[in-house]
Amino acid sequence: MEDMAERMEFRQSGRRVLRNRSDPDAHEARVQFACRLRGTEPLQGALADMAHAAAGDPSRLTRLLPLPDIRQRLLPGVLDAFARQISSGPLPRVTALATRYSILAMPSLDVPARAILCGADDSRRAAAEALPALLNGNAAVEEAFLAHCEGAGDTLAFMLARSAMIKARRELSPRWREVSETLQRGPGS
């Protein structure tokens, strides 16, 4: 579990970025603090802010992307998208590369509903936390988990938990099929 001090350092570095949006040192420090936090979203959000603010000088971002701490944390498609963006100018203010951790760039609505309501890190965590109780047949946890998946459109958490249940040869209640059908129909169904 990440340390509260690390989260506070990340927040304080965000405040420094807000005070001086074009300071590459402040952005780079924020990226480094993001590397200390769990998950990919803080790092991706800090990089999106840096790419948005890098008005005329993308060299720092170009230098950061190949670093092992960054390459190992971000999905290849995200890395490629950042690399493509560097060559075409600053990242737009509204972009699919921004996350809820971005403070300058804003997440685009042109992403799956799950990505707006909960990030991939949240989805993985929800599935991992629910799985022991699901495997033990806890009906209350099952209902709460499936309600989350259905309400947030969290197909990733649903898929991860369902796959683990099937692999463990656990029988799925009819509610799993209902939620699966709802998720397949998509938002507003």
C-alpha atoms as a PDB file:
ATOM      1  CA  MET A   1       0.000   0.000   0.000  1.00  0.00           C
ATOM      2  CA  GLU A   2       1.328   3.393  -0.905  1.00  0.00           C
ATOM      3  CA  ASP A   3       2.470   5.712   1.807  1.00  0.00           C
ATOM      4  CA  MET A   4       0.362   8.754   2.683  1.00  0.00           C
ATOM      5  CA  ALA A   5       3.541  10.851   2.451  1.00  0.00           C
ATOM      6  CA  GLU A   6       4.009   9.786  -1.179  1.00  0.00           C
ATOM      7  CA  ARG A   7       0.450  10.814  -2.021  1.00  0.00           C
ATOM      8  CA  MET A   8       0.990  14.160  -0.291  1.00  0.00           C
ATOM      9  CA  GLU A   9       4.212  14.731  -2.261  1.00  0.00           C
ATOM     10  CA  PHE A  10       2.319  14.009  -5.478  1.00  0.00           C
ATOM     11  CA  ARG A  11      -0.401  16.499  -4.496  1.00  0.00           C
ATOM     12  CA  GLN A  12       2.124  19.175  -3.557  1.00  0.00           C
ATOM     13  CA  SER A  13       3.934  18.675  -6.851  1.00  0.00           C
ATOM     14  CA  GLY A  14       0.578  19.194  -8.574  1.00  0.00           C
ATOM     15  CA  ARG A  15       0.160  22.502  -6.766  1.00  0.00           C
ATOM     16  CA  ARG A  16       3.610  23.579  -7.985  1.00  0.00           C
ATOM     17  CA  VAL A  17       2.567  22.698 -11.552  1.00  0.00           C
ATOM     18  CA  LEU A  18      -0.621  24.752 -11.149  1.00  0.00           C
ATOM     19  CA  ARG A  19       1.383  27.752  -9.913  1.00  0.00           C
ATOM     20  CA  ASN A  20       3.783  27.592 -12.864  1.00  0.00           C
ATOM     21  CA  ARG A  21       2.262  25.542 -15.674  1.00  0.00           C
ATOM     22  CA  SER A  22       5.175  25.957 -18.062  1.00  0.00           C
ATOM     23  CA  ASP A  23       7.942  24.932 -15.622  1.00  0.00           C
ATOM     24  CA  PRO A  24       9.420  21.695 -17.014  1.00  0.00           C
ATOM     25  CA  ASP A  25      11.203  20.968 -13.706  1.00  0.00           C
ATOM     26  CA  ALA A  26       7.895  21.045 -11.815  1.00  0.00           C
ATOM     27  CA  HIS A  27       6.310  18.709 -14.370  1.00  0.00           C
ATOM     28  CA  GLU A  28       9.240  16.304 -14.277  1.00  0.00           C
ATOM     29  CA  ALA A  29       9.183  16.220 -10.469  1.00  0.00           C
ATOM     30  CA  ARG A  30       5.453  15.441 -10.569  1.00  0.00           C
ATOM     31  CA  VAL A  31       6.076  12.580 -13.008  1.00  0.00           C
ATOM     32  CA  GLN A  32       8.746  11.200 -10.657  1.00  0.00           C
ATOM     33  CA  PHE A  33       6.354  11.383  -7.686  1.00  0.00           C
ATOM     34  CA  ALA A  34       3.680   9.656  -9.792  1.00  0.00           C
ATOM     35  CA  CYS A  35       6.098   6.786 -10.421  1.00  0.00           C
ATOM     36  CA  ARG A  36       6.089   6.099  -6.671  1.00  0.00           C
ATOM     37  CA  LEU A  37       2.310   5.639  -6.545  1.00  0.00           C
ATOM     38  CA  ARG A  38       0.409   2.455  -7.330  1.00  0.00           C
ATOM     39  CA  GLY A  39      -1.264   1.976 -10.689  1.00  0.00           C
ATOM     40  CA  THR A  40      -0.880   3.683 -14.021  1.00  0.00           C
ATOM     41  CA  GLU A  41      -3.351   6.549 -13.725  1.00  0.00           C
ATOM     42  CA  PRO A  42      -1.285   9.016 -11.653  1.00  0.00           C
ATOM     43  CA  LEU A  43       1.671   8.596 -14.012  1.00  0.00           C
ATOM     44  CA  GLN A  44      -0.433   8.865 -17.163  1.00  0.00           C
ATOM     45  CA  GLY A  45      -2.196  11.932 -15.754  1.00  0.00           C
ATOM     46  CA  ALA A  46       1.089  13.670 -14.907  1.00  0.00           C
ATOM     47  CA  LEU A  47       2.498  12.878 -18.361  1.00  0.00           C
ATOM     48  CA  ALA A  48      -0.676  14.199 -20.021  1.00  0.00           C
ATOM     49  CA  ASP A  49      -0.323  17.471 -18.099  1.00  0.00           C
ATOM     50  CA  MET A  50       3.330  17.705 -19.084  1.00  0.00           C
ATOM     51  CA  ALA A  51       2.508  17.028 -22.751  1.00  0.00           C
ATOM     52  CA  HIS A  52      -0.270  19.632 -22.643  1.00  0.00           C
ATOM     53  CA  ALA A  53       1.975  22.283 -21.088  1.00  0.00           C
ATOM     54  CA  ALA A  54       5.077  21.512 -23.181  1.00  0.00           C
ATOM     55  CA  ALA A  55       4.141  24.313 -25.577  1.00  0.00           C
ATOM     56  CA  GLY A  56       7.381  24.700 -27.472  1.00  0.00           C
ATOM     57  CA  ASP A  57       9.729  22.210 -25.833  1.00  0.00           C
ATOM     58  CA  PRO A  58       8.769  18.548 -25.868  1.00  0.00           C
ATOM     59  CA  SER A  59      12.391  17.458 -25.236  1.00  0.00           C
ATOM     60  CA  ARG A  60      11.849  16.628 -21.543  1.00  0.00           C
ATOM     61  CA  LEU A  61       8.891  14.410 -22.324  1.00  0.00           C
ATOM     62  CA  THR A  62      10.848  12.779 -25.148  1.00  0.00           C
ATOM     63  CA  ARG A  63      13.614  12.013 -22.654  1.00  0.00           C
ATOM     64  CA  LEU A  64      11.238  10.661 -19.976  1.00  0.00           C
ATOM     65  CA  LEU A  65       9.153   8.223 -22.031  1.00  0.00           C
ATOM     66  CA  PRO A  66      11.941   5.656 -22.590  1.00  0.00           C
ATOM     67  CA  LEU A  67      12.843   5.480 -18.877  1.00  0.00           C
ATOM     68  CA  PRO A  68      12.226   2.009 -17.390  1.00  0.00           C
ATOM     69  CA  ASP A  69      10.014   3.360 -14.564  1.00  0.00           C
ATOM     70  CA  ILE A  70       7.684   4.799 -17.179  1.00  0.00           C
ATOM     71  CA  ARG A  71       7.906   2.145 -19.923  1.00  0.00           C
ATOM     72  CA  GLN A  72       7.138  -0.657 -17.474  1.00  0.00           C
ATOM     73  CA  ARG A  73       4.123   1.093 -15.982  1.00  0.00           C
ATOM     74  CA  LEU A  74       2.232   2.334 -19.033  1.00  0.00           C
ATOM     75  CA  LEU A  75       0.550   0.210 -21.663  1.00  0.00           C
ATOM     76  CA  PRO A  76       2.378   0.140 -25.012  1.00  0.00           C
ATOM     77  CA  GLY A  77      -0.568   1.844 -26.751  1.00  0.00           C
ATOM     78  CA  VAL A  78      -0.456   4.718 -24.272  1.00  0.00           C
ATOM     79  CA  LEU A  79       3.304   5.109 -24.721  1.00  0.00           C
ATOM     80  CA  ASP A  80       2.849   5.129 -28.501  1.00  0.00           C
ATOM     81  CA  ALA A  81       0.091   7.741 -28.246  1.00  0.00           C
ATOM     82  CA  PHE A  82       2.325  10.014 -26.158  1.00  0.00           C
ATOM     83  CA  ALA A  83       5.225   9.522 -28.593  1.00  0.00           C
ATOM     84  CA  ARG A  84       2.988  10.397 -31.569  1.00  0.00           C
ATOM     85  CA  GLN A  85       1.666  13.446 -29.762  1.00  0.00           C
ATOM     86  CA  ILE A  86       5.161  14.778 -29.061  1.00  0.00           C
ATOM     87  CA  SER A  87       5.870  15.035 -32.778  1.00  0.00           C
ATOM     88  CA  SER A  88       2.587  16.801 -33.507  1.00  0.00           C
ATOM     89  CA  GLY A  89       2.682  19.529 -30.867  1.00  0.00           C
ATOM     90  CA  PRO A  90       1.203  20.062 -27.413  1.00  0.00           C
ATOM     91  CA  LEU A  91      -1.496  17.716 -26.204  1.00  0.00           C
ATOM     92  CA  PRO A  92      -4.966  19.285 -26.511  1.00  0.00           C
ATOM     93  CA  ARG A  93      -6.615  20.336 -23.251  1.00  0.00           C
ATOM     94  CA  VAL A  94      -9.327  17.683 -23.694  1.00  0.00           C
ATOM     95  CA  THR A  95      -7.779  14.316 -24.514  1.00  0.00           C
ATOM     96  CA  ALA A  96      -8.257  10.597 -24.043  1.00  0.00           C
ATOM     97  CA  LEU A  97      -4.726  10.468 -22.576  1.00  0.00           C
ATOM     98  CA  ALA A  98      -5.736  12.544 -19.530  1.00  0.00           C
ATOM     99  CA  THR A  99      -6.907  10.758 -16.396  1.00  0.00           C
ATOM    100  CA  ARG A 100      -8.686  11.849 -13.242  1.00  0.00           C
ATOM    101  CA  TYR A 101      -5.213  12.637 -11.886  1.00  0.00           C
ATOM    102  CA  SER A 102      -4.604  15.241 -14.603  1.00  0.00           C
ATOM    103  CA  ILE A 103      -4.812  18.834 -13.416  1.00  0.00           C
ATOM    104  CA  LEU A 104      -4.208  20.749 -16.667  1.00  0.00           C
ATOM    105  CA  ALA A 105      -5.508  18.367 -19.320  1.00  0.00           C
ATOM    106  CA  MET A 106      -9.053  17.027 -19.104  1.00  0.00           C
ATOM    107  CA  PRO A 107     -10.211  13.472 -19.831  1.00  0.00           C
ATOM    108  CA  SER A 108     -12.180  13.223 -23.051  1.00  0.00           C
ATOM    109  CA  LEU A 109     -15.694  11.833 -23.043  1.00  0.00           C
ATOM    110  CA  ASP A 110     -14.660   9.874 -26.129  1.00  0.00           C
ATOM    111  CA  VAL A 111     -13.618   6.908 -23.982  1.00  0.00           C
ATOM    112  CA  PRO A 112     -15.545   3.953 -22.537  1.00  0.00           C
ATOM    113  CA  ALA A 113     -17.930   4.861 -19.700  1.00  0.00           C
ATOM    114  CA  ARG A 114     -15.907   2.669 -17.345  1.00  0.00           C
ATOM    115  CA  ALA A 115     -12.844   4.829 -17.949  1.00  0.00           C
ATOM    116  CA  ILE A 116     -14.771   7.929 -16.850  1.00  0.00           C
ATOM    117  CA  LEU A 117     -16.441   6.370 -13.809  1.00  0.00           C
ATOM    118  CA  CYS A 118     -13.501   4.270 -12.641  1.00  0.00           C
ATOM    119  CA  GLY A 119     -10.021   3.746 -13.964  1.00  0.00           C
ATOM    120  CA  ALA A 120      -8.394   0.472 -14.919  1.00  0.00           C
ATOM    121  CA  ASP A 121      -6.534   0.517 -11.605  1.00  0.00           C
ATOM    122  CA  ASP A 122      -9.871   0.750  -9.766  1.00  0.00           C
ATOM    123  CA  SER A 123     -11.326  -2.076 -11.847  1.00  0.00           C
ATOM    124  CA  ARG A 124      -8.420  -4.395 -11.107  1.00  0.00           C
ATOM    125  CA  ARG A 125      -8.559  -3.489  -7.419  1.00  0.00           C
ATOM    126  CA  ALA A 126     -12.338  -4.054  -7.230  1.00  0.00           C
ATOM    127  CA  ALA A 127     -12.006  -7.503  -8.787  1.00  0.00           C
ATOM    128  CA  ALA A 128      -9.030  -8.463  -6.600  1.00  0.00           C
ATOM    129  CA  GLU A 129     -10.752  -7.312  -3.405  1.00  0.00           C
ATOM    130  CA  ALA A 130     -14.049  -9.043  -4.201  1.00  0.00           C
ATOM    131  CA  LEU A 131     -12.591 -12.293  -5.488  1.00  0.00           C
ATOM    132  CA  PRO A 132     -11.826 -14.076  -2.170  1.00  0.00           C
ATOM    133  CA  ALA A 133     -15.392 -13.528  -0.947  1.00  0.00           C
ATOM    134  CA  LEU A 134     -16.819 -14.444  -4.355  1.00  0.00           C
ATOM    135  CA  LEU A 135     -14.860 -17.698  -4.346  1.00  0.00           C
ATOM    136  CA  ASN A 136     -16.249 -18.436  -0.865  1.00  0.00           C
ATOM    137  CA  GLY A 137     -19.818 -17.925  -2.093  1.00  0.00           C
ATOM    138  CA  ASN A 138     -20.560 -14.688  -0.209  1.00  0.00           C
ATOM    139  CA  ALA A 139     -23.896 -13.620  -1.750  1.00  0.00           C
ATOM    140  CA  ALA A 140     -23.835 -10.081  -0.301  1.00  0.00           C
ATOM    141  CA  VAL A 141     -20.393  -9.358  -1.755  1.00  0.00           C
ATOM    142  CA  GLU A 142     -21.468 -10.910  -5.052  1.00  0.00           C
ATOM    143  CA  GLU A 143     -24.491  -8.620  -5.277  1.00  0.00           C
ATOM    144  CA  ALA A 144     -22.493  -5.523  -4.304  1.00  0.00           C
ATOM    145  CA  PHE A 145     -19.755  -6.364  -6.808  1.00  0.00           C
ATOM    146  CA  LEU A 146     -22.208  -7.046  -9.640  1.00  0.00           C
ATOM    147  CA  ALA A 147     -24.124  -3.848  -8.799  1.00  0.00           C
ATOM    148  CA  HIS A 148     -20.843  -1.936  -9.077  1.00  0.00           C
ATOM    149  CA  CYS A 149     -20.018  -3.551 -12.429  1.00  0.00           C
ATOM    150  CA  GLU A 150     -23.477  -2.858 -13.794  1.00  0.00           C
ATOM    151  CA  GLY A 151     -23.762   0.688 -12.427  1.00  0.00           C
ATOM    152  CA  ALA A 152     -20.296   1.826 -13.486  1.00  0.00           C
ATOM    153  CA  GLY A 153     -20.225  -0.173 -16.704  1.00  0.00           C
ATOM    154  CA  ASP A 154     -17.111  -1.809 -15.281  1.00  0.00           C
ATOM    155  CA  THR A 155     -16.569  -4.544 -17.831  1.00  0.00           C
ATOM    156  CA  LEU A 156     -12.924  -4.950 -16.840  1.00  0.00           C
ATOM    157  CA  ALA A 157     -13.650  -5.818 -13.187  1.00  0.00           C
ATOM    158  CA  PHE A 158     -16.509  -8.066 -14.309  1.00  0.00           C
ATOM    159  CA  MET A 159     -14.324  -9.896 -16.831  1.00  0.00           C
ATOM    160  CA  LEU A 160     -11.457 -10.366 -14.372  1.00  0.00           C
ATOM    161  CA  ALA A 161     -13.679 -11.737 -11.612  1.00  0.00           C
ATOM    162  CA  ARG A 162     -15.768 -13.893 -13.954  1.00  0.00           C
ATOM    163  CA  SER A 163     -12.661 -15.379 -15.521  1.00  0.00           C
ATOM    164  CA  ALA A 164     -11.203 -16.217 -12.101  1.00  0.00           C
ATOM    165  CA  MET A 165     -14.497 -17.766 -10.985  1.00  0.00           C
ATOM    166  CA  ILE A 166     -14.684 -19.952 -14.081  1.00  0.00           C
ATOM    167  CA  LYS A 167     -11.036 -20.934 -13.730  1.00  0.00           C
ATOM    168  CA  ALA A 168     -11.745 -21.966 -10.118  1.00  0.00           C
ATOM    169  CA  ARG A 169     -14.726 -23.978 -11.405  1.00  0.00           C
ATOM    170  CA  ARG A 170     -17.218 -21.966  -9.350  1.00  0.00           C
ATOM    171  CA  GLU A 171     -20.803 -21.926 -10.513  1.00  0.00           C
ATOM    172  CA  LEU A 172     -22.049 -18.479 -11.520  1.00  0.00           C
ATOM    173  CA  SER A 173     -25.480 -17.352 -10.372  1.00  0.00           C
ATOM    174  CA  PRO A 174     -28.044 -16.200 -12.975  1.00  0.00           C
ATOM    175  CA  ARG A 175     -27.228 -12.610 -11.938  1.00  0.00           C
ATOM    176  CA  TRP A 176     -23.836 -12.931 -13.677  1.00  0.00           C
ATOM    177  CA  ARG A 177     -25.591 -13.583 -16.989  1.00  0.00           C
ATOM    178  CA  GLU A 178     -27.925 -10.602 -16.450  1.00  0.00           C
ATOM    179  CA  VAL A 179     -25.030  -8.249 -15.733  1.00  0.00           C
ATOM    180  CA  SER A 180     -23.077  -9.668 -18.670  1.00  0.00           C
ATOM    181  CA  GLU A 181     -25.976  -8.945 -21.016  1.00  0.00           C
ATOM    182  CA  THR A 182     -26.366  -5.422 -19.607  1.00  0.00           C
ATOM    183  CA  LEU A 183     -22.660  -4.722 -20.070  1.00  0.00           C
ATOM    184  CA  GLN A 184     -22.762  -6.058 -23.634  1.00  0.00           C
ATOM    185  CA  ARG A 185     -25.660  -3.745 -24.498  1.00  0.00           C
ATOM    186  CA  GLY A 186     -23.646  -0.785 -23.266  1.00  0.00           C
ATOM    187  CA  PRO A 187     -24.584   2.520 -21.630  1.00  0.00           C
ATOM    188  CA  GLY A 188     -28.189   3.550 -21.324  1.00  0.00           C
ATOM    189  CA  SER A 189     -29.527   0.001 -21.680  1.00  0.00           C
END
